[in-house]
Amino acid sequence: MAPAAATPSPHAGDLTAADAARVREARREAEAPPGSLGAQLHVETPWEGYDSQNVATVVARLRDADAAQRAIVRLYEETHKKRAGILRATAR
């Protein structure tokens, strides 16, 4: 009796997970309006009056701040004023 001919798997032409992800990303980019920035993040001021405070005042308040508060201040500074002294103080 002759061996049965192998039938191709119905999934033989399937993409790998990485390939499929690249295809999805390319489709999303093609559908985005020209000049679109994609997802955007809006960060509120860390506390009332923050924007009018100088570096020394903010750094003094950060001395007693927990890691979460420092992270909020860092994210706000990175997306707004980018004051080096505050960014250094939040890096601890």
Protein backbone atom coordinates (compact mmCIF):
# COMPACT_ATOMS: atom_id res chain seq x y z
CA MET A 1 0.00 0.00 0.00
CA ALA A 2 1.42 3.38 -0.98
CA PRO A 3 1.76 6.06 1.70
CA ALA A 4 -0.98 8.67 1.65
CA ALA A 5 -0.02 11.99 0.13
CA ALA A 6 0.54 14.62 2.76
CA THR A 7 -2.13 17.26 2.73
CA PRO A 8 -0.91 20.77 3.34
CA SER A 9 -1.92 22.24 6.65
CA PRO A 10 -4.67 24.84 6.35
CA HIS A 11 -2.44 27.05 8.48
CA ALA A 12 0.76 26.61 6.46
CA GLY A 13 0.68 30.20 5.17
CA ASP A 14 -0.15 31.78 8.54
CA LEU A 15 2.00 34.63 9.76
CA THR A 16 4.06 34.43 12.88
CA ALA A 17 2.82 36.52 15.82
CA ALA A 18 5.56 39.09 15.16
CA ASP A 19 4.68 39.31 11.47
CA ALA A 20 0.99 39.72 12.30
CA ALA A 21 1.83 42.52 14.76
CA ARG A 22 3.84 44.31 12.06
CA VAL A 23 0.93 44.01 9.62
CA ARG A 24 -1.52 45.42 12.21
CA GLU A 25 0.81 48.32 12.98
CA ALA A 26 1.26 49.12 9.28
CA ARG A 27 -2.53 49.12 8.82
CA ARG A 28 -3.00 51.47 11.80
CA GLU A 29 -0.37 53.84 10.45
CA ALA A 30 -1.97 53.80 6.99
CA GLU A 31 -5.38 54.64 8.50
CA ALA A 32 -4.07 57.51 10.67
CA PRO A 33 -4.70 61.02 9.36
CA PRO A 34 -1.61 62.76 7.94
CA GLY A 35 0.36 64.53 10.66
CA SER A 36 -1.35 62.54 13.40
CA LEU A 37 0.69 62.25 16.58
CA GLY A 38 -0.99 59.07 17.73
CA ALA A 39 -1.75 58.56 21.40
CA GLN A 40 -1.28 61.61 23.56
CA LEU A 41 -0.85 61.93 27.30
CA HIS A 42 -2.10 64.90 29.29
CA VAL A 43 -0.47 65.42 32.68
CA GLU A 44 -2.10 67.73 35.25
CA THR A 45 0.04 70.00 37.40
CA PRO A 46 1.38 68.08 40.40
CA TRP A 47 -0.19 70.53 42.88
CA GLU A 48 -1.92 73.89 42.94
CA GLY A 49 0.49 76.74 42.25
CA TYR A 50 3.20 74.43 40.89
CA ASP A 51 3.72 76.37 37.66
CA SER A 52 4.49 79.58 39.52
CA GLN A 53 7.03 77.96 41.87
CA ASN A 54 10.76 78.24 41.26
CA VAL A 55 13.14 75.27 41.18
CA ALA A 56 14.28 75.68 44.80
CA THR A 57 10.70 75.65 46.10
CA VAL A 58 9.74 72.53 44.14
CA VAL A 59 12.96 70.70 45.09
CA ALA A 60 12.37 71.52 48.78
CA ARG A 61 8.88 70.03 48.58
CA LEU A 62 10.24 66.92 46.85
CA ARG A 63 12.59 66.16 49.77
CA ASP A 64 9.68 64.65 51.73
CA ALA A 65 7.80 63.31 48.69
CA ASP A 66 7.26 59.63 48.07
CA ALA A 67 8.30 57.87 44.85
CA ALA A 68 4.86 58.31 43.28
CA GLN A 69 4.85 62.09 43.82
CA ARG A 70 8.39 62.39 42.43
CA ALA A 71 7.32 60.38 39.37
CA ILE A 72 4.34 62.69 38.77
CA VAL A 73 6.55 65.77 39.05
CA ARG A 74 9.14 64.22 36.72
CA LEU A 75 6.53 63.34 34.09
CA TYR A 76 5.05 66.83 34.28
CA GLU A 77 8.46 68.49 33.97
CA GLU A 78 9.50 66.24 31.06
CA THR A 79 6.37 67.23 29.14
CA HIS A 80 6.30 70.93 30.09
CA LYS A 81 9.10 73.06 31.49
CA LYS A 82 12.03 70.60 31.49
CA ARG A 83 13.78 72.34 34.41
CA ALA A 84 17.05 70.48 34.97
CA GLY A 85 17.18 71.00 38.73
CA ILE A 86 13.76 69.46 39.22
CA LEU A 87 14.49 66.57 36.87
CA ARG A 88 17.65 65.83 38.88
CA ALA A 89 15.70 65.94 42.15
CA THR A 90 13.12 63.47 40.83
CA ALA A 91 15.72 60.97 39.64
CA ARG A 92 16.45 59.65 43.14
